[in-house]
Amino acid sequence: MRRDASRGPRALATLVLGFLLAVLGSTAFSWWALGPLRLEPLIVLVVSAGYRLPLVLGFVVVMFLGYLADLLSGGVMGLNLVIFSVIYVICQLARRKLDIASWPFQMLSVGVLSVLAHLLTAGGVTLTVPSYVPPANLPLLFLAQGLISALTAPLFFGLNEALVGLLARCWPSEYKAVP
């Protein structure tokens, strides 16, 4: 049985890009926000990990990204960790029947899972913060957020794949494939 030669570089690229996007997204890239709507590249990386990384390695990557998002969000601690884990498990189950190689499917997956992530976030905040009152236009915001995430998904998938390619060229050859 052969192992995927790109799993090490892919996991490292997802971690590095996730760290950079999470830190820059909360500081230098705050101009990405359109009112309450924000670009969420970490959802794209979680979907990518769910379809392209093995179960345990991908789960470690997703747990790191969820914990990092929780630290930087200032919200309910552990909420992003749980949401990213749910999205990851959905992608792991879906990858048995689906392939995420095409741009339209990448966009559709990220859009749908972004809406799910926001539903889970709203549910989690409602359960943990008794004073939270959701806005009346929340369903419209969820759909708009899903659309923005879907339209920007190819950019972040492309960045991740470029970083995977760069790291794969630098990866030691004895770790590339095991017979």
Protein backbone atom coordinates (compact mmCIF):
# COMPACT_ATOMS: atom_id res chain seq x y z
CA MET A 1 0.00 0.00 0.00
CA ARG A 2 1.39 3.40 -1.01
CA ARG A 3 0.93 6.54 0.97
CA ASP A 4 0.12 9.88 -0.61
CA ALA A 5 3.42 11.64 -1.24
CA SER A 6 1.95 15.09 -0.67
CA ARG A 7 0.36 14.56 2.73
CA GLY A 8 3.29 16.02 4.72
CA PRO A 9 3.69 19.10 2.53
CA ARG A 10 -0.10 19.50 2.34
CA ALA A 11 -0.51 19.40 6.12
CA LEU A 12 2.36 21.84 6.64
CA ALA A 13 1.08 24.17 3.91
CA THR A 14 -2.40 24.16 5.43
CA LEU A 15 -0.98 24.95 8.87
CA VAL A 16 1.29 27.73 7.64
CA LEU A 17 -1.31 29.33 5.38
CA GLY A 18 -3.98 28.98 8.07
CA PHE A 19 -1.73 30.68 10.62
CA LEU A 20 -0.87 33.52 8.23
CA LEU A 21 -4.46 34.07 7.12
CA ALA A 22 -5.81 33.94 10.67
CA VAL A 23 -3.28 36.45 11.97
CA LEU A 24 -3.43 38.74 8.95
CA GLY A 25 -7.22 38.42 8.76
CA SER A 26 -7.58 39.87 12.23
CA THR A 27 -5.05 42.65 11.70
CA ALA A 28 -3.83 43.77 8.28
CA PHE A 29 -6.76 42.40 6.28
CA SER A 30 -9.57 43.85 8.35
CA TRP A 31 -10.52 45.86 5.26
CA TRP A 32 -11.93 42.60 3.85
CA ALA A 33 -15.05 43.15 5.92
CA LEU A 34 -18.22 44.41 4.27
CA GLY A 35 -20.16 45.42 7.36
CA PRO A 36 -20.95 42.19 9.21
CA LEU A 37 -19.72 40.08 6.27
CA ARG A 38 -16.12 38.89 6.42
CA LEU A 39 -13.93 36.71 4.28
CA GLU A 40 -13.30 33.43 6.03
CA PRO A 41 -10.36 31.67 4.43
CA LEU A 42 -10.04 29.22 7.33
CA ILE A 43 -13.29 27.54 6.27
CA VAL A 44 -11.70 26.94 2.86
CA LEU A 45 -8.63 25.39 4.48
CA VAL A 46 -10.78 23.15 6.69
CA VAL A 47 -12.74 21.96 3.64
CA SER A 48 -9.47 21.36 1.77
CA ALA A 49 -8.06 19.38 4.71
CA GLY A 50 -11.28 17.37 4.93
CA TYR A 51 -11.08 16.26 1.33
CA ARG A 52 -7.32 15.96 0.88
CA LEU A 53 -5.66 14.92 4.15
CA PRO A 54 -5.81 11.55 5.91
CA LEU A 55 -8.15 11.34 8.88
CA VAL A 56 -5.82 11.70 11.88
CA LEU A 57 -3.30 14.11 10.33
CA GLY A 58 -6.09 16.30 8.98
CA PHE A 59 -7.88 16.28 12.32
CA VAL A 60 -4.71 17.54 14.05
CA VAL A 61 -4.41 20.34 11.48
CA VAL A 62 -8.08 21.29 11.86
CA MET A 63 -7.85 21.26 15.67
CA PHE A 64 -4.91 23.66 15.47
CA LEU A 65 -6.78 25.96 13.09
CA GLY A 66 -9.90 25.87 15.28
CA TYR A 67 -7.94 26.64 18.42
CA LEU A 68 -6.11 29.47 16.65
CA ALA A 69 -9.41 30.91 15.41
CA ASP A 70 -10.80 30.73 18.95
CA LEU A 71 -7.78 32.54 20.36
CA LEU A 72 -7.97 35.32 17.79
CA SER A 73 -11.76 35.74 17.72
CA GLY A 74 -12.23 36.73 21.34
CA GLY A 75 -15.57 34.92 21.34
CA VAL A 76 -16.73 31.76 23.05
CA MET A 77 -13.65 29.59 23.57
CA GLY A 78 -13.92 26.24 21.83
CA LEU A 79 -16.73 27.23 19.47
CA ASN A 80 -14.58 27.45 16.32
CA LEU A 81 -12.81 24.27 17.36
CA VAL A 82 -16.11 22.38 17.45
CA ILE A 83 -17.42 23.98 14.25
CA PHE A 84 -14.23 23.24 12.31
CA SER A 85 -14.30 19.66 13.60
CA VAL A 86 -17.90 19.20 12.43
CA ILE A 87 -17.07 20.60 8.99
CA TYR A 88 -13.98 18.39 8.79
CA VAL A 89 -15.95 15.25 9.64
CA ILE A 90 -18.59 16.13 7.03
CA CYS A 91 -15.87 16.55 4.40
CA GLN A 92 -14.17 13.29 5.43
CA LEU A 93 -17.48 11.45 5.02
CA ALA A 94 -18.25 13.18 1.72
CA ARG A 95 -14.84 12.46 0.23
CA ARG A 96 -15.75 8.77 0.03
CA LYS A 97 -18.26 9.61 -2.71
CA LEU A 98 -17.18 13.03 -3.99
CA ASP A 99 -14.05 14.57 -5.48
CA ILE A 100 -13.29 18.22 -4.88
CA ALA A 101 -11.04 18.69 -7.92
CA SER A 102 -13.39 20.97 -9.90
CA TRP A 103 -13.74 24.70 -9.18
CA PRO A 104 -17.56 24.66 -9.14
CA PHE A 105 -17.66 21.85 -6.59
CA GLN A 106 -15.05 23.61 -4.44
CA MET A 107 -17.16 26.76 -4.48
CA LEU A 108 -20.38 24.88 -3.74
CA SER A 109 -18.81 22.92 -0.87
CA VAL A 110 -17.34 26.03 0.74
CA GLY A 111 -20.57 28.01 0.30
CA VAL A 112 -22.78 25.35 1.86
CA LEU A 113 -20.36 24.58 4.68
CA SER A 114 -19.86 28.28 5.39
CA VAL A 115 -23.62 28.66 5.89
CA LEU A 116 -23.55 25.59 8.15
CA ALA A 117 -20.64 27.08 10.13
CA HIS A 118 -22.59 30.28 10.68
CA LEU A 119 -25.69 28.37 11.74
CA LEU A 120 -23.59 26.45 14.26
CA THR A 121 -21.96 29.68 15.44
CA ALA A 122 -25.31 31.38 15.96
CA GLY A 123 -26.60 28.31 17.80
CA GLY A 124 -23.51 28.09 19.97
CA VAL A 125 -23.57 31.78 20.86
CA THR A 126 -27.30 31.62 21.59
CA LEU A 127 -26.74 28.71 23.98
CA THR A 128 -23.72 30.17 25.76
CA VAL A 129 -24.47 33.91 25.88
CA PRO A 130 -27.93 34.50 27.36
CA SER A 131 -27.96 38.20 26.40
CA TYR A 132 -27.39 37.48 22.68
CA VAL A 133 -30.27 38.54 20.46
CA PRO A 134 -29.80 37.54 16.82
CA PRO A 135 -30.56 40.22 14.23
CA ALA A 136 -33.74 39.93 12.19
CA ASN A 137 -31.83 39.64 8.92
CA LEU A 138 -29.67 36.73 10.11
CA PRO A 139 -30.75 34.26 7.36
CA LEU A 140 -29.92 36.84 4.69
CA LEU A 141 -26.52 37.45 6.31
CA PHE A 142 -25.83 33.71 6.33
CA LEU A 143 -26.63 33.40 2.63
CA ALA A 144 -24.54 36.46 1.76
CA GLN A 145 -21.64 35.10 3.83
CA GLY A 146 -21.92 31.74 2.06
CA LEU A 147 -21.88 33.48 -1.32
CA ILE A 148 -18.81 35.56 -0.44
CA SER A 149 -17.01 32.48 0.88
CA ALA A 150 -17.92 30.49 -2.23
CA LEU A 151 -16.77 33.21 -4.62
CA THR A 152 -13.40 33.59 -2.88
CA ALA A 153 -12.82 29.85 -2.34
CA PRO A 154 -10.81 29.33 -5.58
CA LEU A 155 -8.36 32.02 -4.48
CA PHE A 156 -7.62 30.31 -1.16
CA PHE A 157 -7.61 26.81 -2.68
CA GLY A 158 -5.11 28.13 -5.24
CA LEU A 159 -2.91 29.71 -2.56
CA ASN A 160 -2.91 26.47 -0.60
CA GLU A 161 -2.07 24.38 -3.67
CA ALA A 162 0.76 26.76 -4.62
CA LEU A 163 2.22 26.45 -1.13
CA VAL A 164 1.81 22.66 -1.24
CA GLY A 165 3.72 22.60 -4.54
CA LEU A 166 6.49 24.78 -3.13
CA LEU A 167 6.85 22.68 0.01
CA ALA A 168 6.70 19.42 -1.98
CA ARG A 169 9.74 20.52 -3.98
CA CYS A 170 11.62 21.23 -0.73
CA TRP A 171 10.39 18.07 1.05
CA PRO A 172 13.11 15.44 1.68
CA SER A 173 12.94 12.68 -0.92
CA GLU A 174 13.11 9.79 1.57
CA TYR A 175 9.74 10.90 2.98
CA LYS A 176 7.99 11.33 -0.36
CA ALA A 177 6.68 7.80 -0.75
CA VAL A 178 6.75 4.62 1.26
CA PRO A 179 6.32 1.35 -0.68
